[in-house]
Amino acid sequence: MKTAALTDLVIRGDSQLVIKQLRGEWGCRQLHLAVARDRCLALVSALGLGWSAEWVPREENAEADRLTVEAWVAKAGQTFPERPAWQKTRKRPAGNAPTSSDVTGASAVRTGS
């Protein structure tokens, strides 16, 4: 059986802040975000692949949220922490820049031929 070669990495995340910082469109004012961004960029660079990062609105990211919870429970053996109430209910008009409190994880998806 022939295995397809991995040629590109598409990183999708529901935090516009994280995605734009990863792509270099926005700066990092918080040290912990800069450290996380730099680590991610180093890991992607080490793969030697082409990559892109795409923002997915939280409302369209239910499957990634489900997979995150499933992986957390399998690895940590405990219930996934609840999102704060403000994250569950807060709606920001399209085009408004996020604040540092909008930080969530990004999920990675492999693509290849």
N, C-alpha and C. Protein backbone atom coordinates (compact mmCIF):
# COMPACT_ATOMS: atom_id res chain seq x y z
N MET A 1 0.84 -1.18 0.00
CA MET A 1 0.00 0.00 0.00
C MET A 1 0.89 1.24 0.00
N LYS A 2 0.66 2.14 -0.93
CA LYS A 2 1.43 3.37 -1.04
C LYS A 2 0.82 4.45 -0.14
N THR A 3 1.67 5.11 0.63
CA THR A 3 1.22 6.17 1.52
C THR A 3 1.40 7.51 0.82
N ALA A 4 0.38 8.37 0.90
CA ALA A 4 0.46 9.70 0.29
C ALA A 4 1.46 10.55 1.07
N ALA A 5 2.26 11.29 0.35
CA ALA A 5 3.23 12.18 0.99
C ALA A 5 2.52 13.42 1.53
N LEU A 6 2.93 13.83 2.68
CA LEU A 6 2.39 15.03 3.29
C LEU A 6 3.11 16.22 2.67
N THR A 7 2.36 17.13 2.06
CA THR A 7 2.97 18.26 1.37
C THR A 7 2.64 19.61 1.99
N ASP A 8 1.50 19.73 2.61
CA ASP A 8 1.06 21.00 3.17
C ASP A 8 0.37 20.78 4.49
N LEU A 9 0.48 21.76 5.35
CA LEU A 9 -0.20 21.74 6.64
C LEU A 9 -1.15 22.92 6.69
N VAL A 10 -2.41 22.65 7.00
CA VAL A 10 -3.40 23.71 7.15
C VAL A 10 -3.76 23.76 8.63
N ILE A 11 -3.52 24.89 9.24
CA ILE A 11 -3.85 25.09 10.65
C ILE A 11 -5.13 25.89 10.70
N ARG A 12 -6.13 25.34 11.35
CA ARG A 12 -7.42 26.03 11.47
C ARG A 12 -7.69 26.28 12.94
N GLY A 13 -8.15 27.46 13.26
CA GLY A 13 -8.44 27.78 14.64
C GLY A 13 -9.58 28.77 14.76
N ASP A 14 -10.26 28.73 15.90
CA ASP A 14 -11.40 29.63 16.09
C ASP A 14 -11.03 30.90 16.86
N SER A 15 -9.75 31.15 17.03
CA SER A 15 -9.31 32.40 17.62
C SER A 15 -8.66 33.24 16.54
N GLN A 16 -9.35 34.31 16.16
CA GLN A 16 -8.82 35.20 15.14
C GLN A 16 -7.49 35.79 15.62
N LEU A 17 -7.39 36.07 16.91
CA LEU A 17 -6.16 36.61 17.48
C LEU A 17 -4.99 35.67 17.23
N VAL A 18 -5.15 34.40 17.58
CA VAL A 18 -4.06 33.43 17.43
C VAL A 18 -3.69 33.24 15.97
N ILE A 19 -4.66 33.11 15.10
CA ILE A 19 -4.39 32.88 13.67
C ILE A 19 -3.65 34.08 13.07
N LYS A 20 -4.12 35.28 13.36
CA LYS A 20 -3.47 36.46 12.79
C LYS A 20 -2.06 36.66 13.37
N GLN A 21 -1.86 36.32 14.63
CA GLN A 21 -0.51 36.40 15.20
C GLN A 21 0.40 35.35 14.56
N LEU A 22 -0.11 34.16 14.33
CA LEU A 22 0.66 33.10 13.71
C LEU A 22 1.09 33.49 12.29
N ARG A 23 0.19 34.14 11.56
CA ARG A 23 0.50 34.57 10.19
C ARG A 23 1.33 35.85 10.15
N GLY A 24 1.58 36.46 11.30
CA GLY A 24 2.37 37.68 11.36
C GLY A 24 1.61 38.94 11.04
N GLU A 25 0.28 38.86 10.99
CA GLU A 25 -0.54 40.02 10.67
C GLU A 25 -0.74 40.92 11.88
N TRP A 26 -0.72 40.36 13.05
CA TRP A 26 -0.84 41.12 14.30
C TRP A 26 0.35 40.77 15.18
N GLY A 27 0.79 41.73 15.97
CA GLY A 27 1.86 41.50 16.91
C GLY A 27 1.34 40.81 18.17
N CYS A 28 2.27 40.36 19.00
CA CYS A 28 1.94 39.72 20.28
C CYS A 28 2.32 40.67 21.41
N ARG A 29 1.35 41.17 22.13
CA ARG A 29 1.63 42.05 23.27
C ARG A 29 1.87 41.26 24.54
N GLN A 30 1.37 40.05 24.58
CA GLN A 30 1.50 39.21 25.78
C GLN A 30 2.63 38.21 25.56
N LEU A 31 3.54 38.13 26.52
CA LEU A 31 4.70 37.26 26.39
C LEU A 31 4.31 35.80 26.16
N HIS A 32 3.31 35.29 26.90
CA HIS A 32 2.94 33.88 26.75
C HIS A 32 2.40 33.59 25.34
N LEU A 33 1.77 34.57 24.70
CA LEU A 33 1.28 34.36 23.34
C LEU A 33 2.45 34.36 22.35
N ALA A 34 3.43 35.23 22.57
CA ALA A 34 4.60 35.26 21.70
C ALA A 34 5.39 33.95 21.81
N VAL A 35 5.51 33.43 23.02
CA VAL A 35 6.22 32.16 23.23
C VAL A 35 5.50 31.03 22.51
N ALA A 36 4.17 30.98 22.65
CA ALA A 36 3.39 29.92 21.99
C ALA A 36 3.48 30.05 20.47
N ARG A 37 3.39 31.28 19.97
CA ARG A 37 3.50 31.51 18.52
C ARG A 37 4.86 31.06 18.01
N ASP A 38 5.92 31.46 18.71
CA ASP A 38 7.27 31.11 18.27
C ASP A 38 7.50 29.60 18.30
N ARG A 39 6.96 28.93 19.30
CA ARG A 39 7.09 27.47 19.37
C ARG A 39 6.37 26.81 18.21
N CYS A 40 5.17 27.29 17.92
CA CYS A 40 4.40 26.75 16.80
C CYS A 40 5.14 26.96 15.48
N LEU A 41 5.66 28.16 15.27
CA LEU A 41 6.40 28.45 14.03
C LEU A 41 7.65 27.57 13.91
N ALA A 42 8.34 27.33 15.03
CA ALA A 42 9.52 26.47 15.00
C ALA A 42 9.14 25.03 14.65
N LEU A 43 8.04 24.54 15.22
CA LEU A 43 7.60 23.18 14.91
C LEU A 43 7.19 23.05 13.45
N VAL A 44 6.46 24.02 12.94
CA VAL A 44 6.05 23.99 11.53
C VAL A 44 7.29 24.06 10.63
N SER A 45 8.24 24.90 10.97
CA SER A 45 9.47 25.02 10.19
C SER A 45 10.24 23.69 10.17
N ALA A 46 10.28 23.02 11.31
CA ALA A 46 11.00 21.75 11.41
C ALA A 46 10.39 20.68 10.51
N LEU A 47 9.11 20.79 10.22
CA LEU A 47 8.46 19.83 9.33
C LEU A 47 8.90 20.00 7.88
N GLY A 48 9.33 21.19 7.53
CA GLY A 48 9.78 21.45 6.17
C GLY A 48 8.65 21.43 5.15
N LEU A 49 7.45 21.76 5.58
CA LEU A 49 6.28 21.75 4.71
C LEU A 49 5.79 23.16 4.44
N GLY A 50 5.04 23.31 3.37
CA GLY A 50 4.29 24.54 3.19
C GLY A 50 3.15 24.55 4.20
N TRP A 51 2.72 25.72 4.64
CA TRP A 51 1.64 25.77 5.61
C TRP A 51 0.83 27.04 5.44
N SER A 52 -0.37 26.99 5.94
CA SER A 52 -1.24 28.15 5.98
C SER A 52 -2.06 28.06 7.25
N ALA A 53 -2.60 29.20 7.67
CA ALA A 53 -3.43 29.24 8.87
C ALA A 53 -4.74 29.93 8.51
N GLU A 54 -5.84 29.32 8.90
CA GLU A 54 -7.17 29.83 8.56
C GLU A 54 -8.00 30.01 9.82
N TRP A 55 -8.70 31.13 9.89
CA TRP A 55 -9.62 31.38 10.99
C TRP A 55 -10.97 30.77 10.65
N VAL A 56 -11.53 30.03 11.61
CA VAL A 56 -12.85 29.44 11.47
C VAL A 56 -13.72 30.02 12.59
N PRO A 57 -14.83 30.68 12.25
CA PRO A 57 -15.69 31.23 13.31
C PRO A 57 -16.09 30.13 14.29
N ARG A 58 -16.12 30.47 15.55
CA ARG A 58 -16.41 29.52 16.61
C ARG A 58 -17.70 28.74 16.35
N GLU A 59 -18.69 29.42 15.78
CA GLU A 59 -19.98 28.77 15.50
C GLU A 59 -19.85 27.66 14.46
N GLU A 60 -18.81 27.72 13.64
CA GLU A 60 -18.59 26.72 12.60
C GLU A 60 -17.53 25.69 13.00
N ASN A 61 -17.12 25.70 14.25
CA ASN A 61 -16.01 24.88 14.70
C ASN A 61 -16.42 23.79 15.70
N ALA A 62 -17.67 23.38 15.66
CA ALA A 62 -18.19 22.42 16.63
C ALA A 62 -17.45 21.08 16.58
N GLU A 63 -17.11 20.61 15.41
CA GLU A 63 -16.41 19.32 15.28
C GLU A 63 -15.03 19.38 15.93
N ALA A 64 -14.30 20.46 15.70
CA ALA A 64 -12.99 20.61 16.34
C ALA A 64 -13.13 20.68 17.85
N ASP A 65 -14.14 21.38 18.34
CA ASP A 65 -14.38 21.44 19.78
C ASP A 65 -14.64 20.04 20.34
N ARG A 66 -15.45 19.27 19.63
CA ARG A 66 -15.77 17.90 20.08
C ARG A 66 -14.51 17.04 20.13
N LEU A 67 -13.68 17.13 19.10
CA LEU A 67 -12.45 16.35 19.06
C LEU A 67 -11.47 16.78 20.16
N THR A 68 -11.43 18.08 20.44
CA THR A 68 -10.57 18.59 21.51
C THR A 68 -10.97 18.01 22.85
N VAL A 69 -12.26 18.03 23.13
CA VAL A 69 -12.77 17.48 24.40
C VAL A 69 -12.47 16.00 24.48
N GLU A 70 -12.71 15.28 23.40
CA GLU A 70 -12.46 13.83 23.36
C GLU A 70 -10.98 13.53 23.63
N ALA A 71 -10.08 14.26 22.99
CA ALA A 71 -8.65 14.04 23.19
C ALA A 71 -8.22 14.41 24.61
N TRP A 72 -8.77 15.49 25.14
CA TRP A 72 -8.45 15.93 26.50
C TRP A 72 -8.82 14.84 27.50
N VAL A 73 -10.03 14.33 27.40
CA VAL A 73 -10.52 13.32 28.34
C VAL A 73 -9.67 12.05 28.21
N ALA A 74 -9.34 11.65 26.98
CA ALA A 74 -8.54 10.44 26.79
C ALA A 74 -7.14 10.60 27.38
N LYS A 75 -6.53 11.77 27.21
CA LYS A 75 -5.16 12.00 27.68
C LYS A 75 -5.11 12.33 29.17
N ALA A 76 -6.00 13.22 29.62
CA ALA A 76 -5.94 13.71 31.00
C ALA A 76 -6.74 12.83 31.96
N GLY A 77 -7.68 12.07 31.41
CA GLY A 77 -8.51 11.22 32.28
C GLY A 77 -9.45 12.02 33.17
N GLN A 78 -9.76 13.23 32.76
CA GLN A 78 -10.68 14.05 33.55
C GLN A 78 -11.55 14.88 32.62
N THR A 79 -12.60 15.44 33.16
CA THR A 79 -13.54 16.25 32.39
C THR A 79 -12.86 17.50 31.85
N PHE A 80 -13.21 17.86 30.64
CA PHE A 80 -12.67 19.06 30.01
C PHE A 80 -13.18 20.29 30.74
N PRO A 81 -12.31 21.27 31.01
CA PRO A 81 -12.76 22.48 31.71
C PRO A 81 -13.82 23.23 30.91
N GLU A 82 -14.80 23.74 31.59
CA GLU A 82 -15.85 24.52 30.94
C GLU A 82 -15.29 25.84 30.46
N ARG A 83 -15.81 26.32 29.33
CA ARG A 83 -15.47 27.67 28.89
C ARG A 83 -16.12 28.67 29.84
N PRO A 84 -15.46 29.78 30.09
CA PRO A 84 -16.09 30.82 30.91
C PRO A 84 -17.40 31.28 30.27
N ALA A 85 -18.32 31.75 31.06
CA ALA A 85 -19.63 32.17 30.57
C ALA A 85 -19.52 33.22 29.47
N TRP A 86 -18.56 34.14 29.59
CA TRP A 86 -18.44 35.19 28.58
C TRP A 86 -18.07 34.62 27.22
N GLN A 87 -17.34 33.51 27.18
CA GLN A 87 -16.99 32.89 25.89
C GLN A 87 -18.19 32.20 25.28
N LYS A 88 -19.07 31.71 26.08
CA LYS A 88 -20.24 30.98 25.56
C LYS A 88 -21.26 31.92 24.95
N THR A 89 -21.36 33.14 25.48
CA THR A 89 -22.45 34.02 25.08
C THR A 89 -22.01 35.24 24.29
N ARG A 90 -20.76 35.60 24.37
CA ARG A 90 -20.29 36.83 23.75
C ARG A 90 -20.28 36.72 22.23
N LYS A 91 -20.86 37.68 21.58
CA LYS A 91 -20.85 37.76 20.12
C LYS A 91 -20.19 39.07 19.74
N ARG A 92 -19.20 39.01 18.88
CA ARG A 92 -18.51 40.21 18.44
C ARG A 92 -18.93 40.48 17.00
N PRO A 93 -19.29 41.71 16.67
CA PRO A 93 -19.65 42.02 15.29
C PRO A 93 -18.51 41.67 14.34
N ALA A 94 -18.85 41.23 13.14
CA ALA A 94 -17.84 40.86 12.15
C ALA A 94 -16.90 42.02 11.90
N GLY A 95 -15.62 41.74 11.82
CA GLY A 95 -14.62 42.75 11.52
C GLY A 95 -14.00 43.40 12.74
N ASN A 96 -14.58 43.23 13.92
CA ASN A 96 -13.98 43.82 15.12
C ASN A 96 -12.80 42.99 15.56
N ALA A 97 -11.73 43.65 15.92
CA ALA A 97 -10.53 42.95 16.36
C ALA A 97 -10.75 42.31 17.72
N PRO A 98 -10.24 41.12 17.92
CA PRO A 98 -10.38 40.45 19.21
C PRO A 98 -9.46 41.05 20.25
N THR A 99 -9.71 40.72 21.49
CA THR A 99 -8.83 41.11 22.57
C THR A 99 -8.02 39.90 23.00
N SER A 100 -7.05 40.11 23.89
CA SER A 100 -6.23 39.00 24.33
C SER A 100 -7.04 37.96 25.09
N SER A 101 -8.22 38.32 25.58
CA SER A 101 -9.05 37.35 26.29
C SER A 101 -9.77 36.40 25.34
N ASP A 102 -9.64 36.61 24.03
CA ASP A 102 -10.28 35.74 23.05
C ASP A 102 -9.45 34.52 22.70
N VAL A 103 -8.35 34.29 23.39
CA VAL A 103 -7.43 33.22 23.04
C VAL A 103 -8.04 31.86 23.29
N THR A 104 -8.00 31.01 22.26
CA THR A 104 -8.36 29.61 22.38
C THR A 104 -7.35 28.83 21.58
N GLY A 105 -7.44 27.53 21.61
CA GLY A 105 -6.48 26.70 20.87
C GLY A 105 -6.78 26.67 19.40
N ALA A 106 -5.83 26.26 18.64
CA ALA A 106 -6.00 26.04 17.22
C ALA A 106 -5.87 24.56 16.95
N SER A 107 -6.55 24.11 15.93
CA SER A 107 -6.46 22.70 15.58
C SER A 107 -5.71 22.57 14.26
N ALA A 108 -5.01 21.51 14.09
CA ALA A 108 -4.24 21.29 12.86
C ALA A 108 -4.86 20.18 12.04
N VAL A 109 -4.85 20.34 10.75
CA VAL A 109 -5.38 19.36 9.83
C VAL A 109 -4.30 19.10 8.78
N ARG A 110 -4.00 17.83 8.54
CA ARG A 110 -3.00 17.49 7.54
C ARG A 110 -3.68 17.35 6.18
N THR A 111 -2.99 17.83 5.16
CA THR A 111 -3.46 17.62 3.80
C THR A 111 -2.30 17.09 2.99
N GLY A 112 -2.59 16.40 1.95
CA GLY A 112 -1.52 15.86 1.12
C GLY A 112 -2.09 15.25 -0.13
N SER A 113 -1.21 14.81 -1.02
CA SER A 113 -1.67 14.22 -2.27
C SER A 113 -1.58 12.73 -2.22
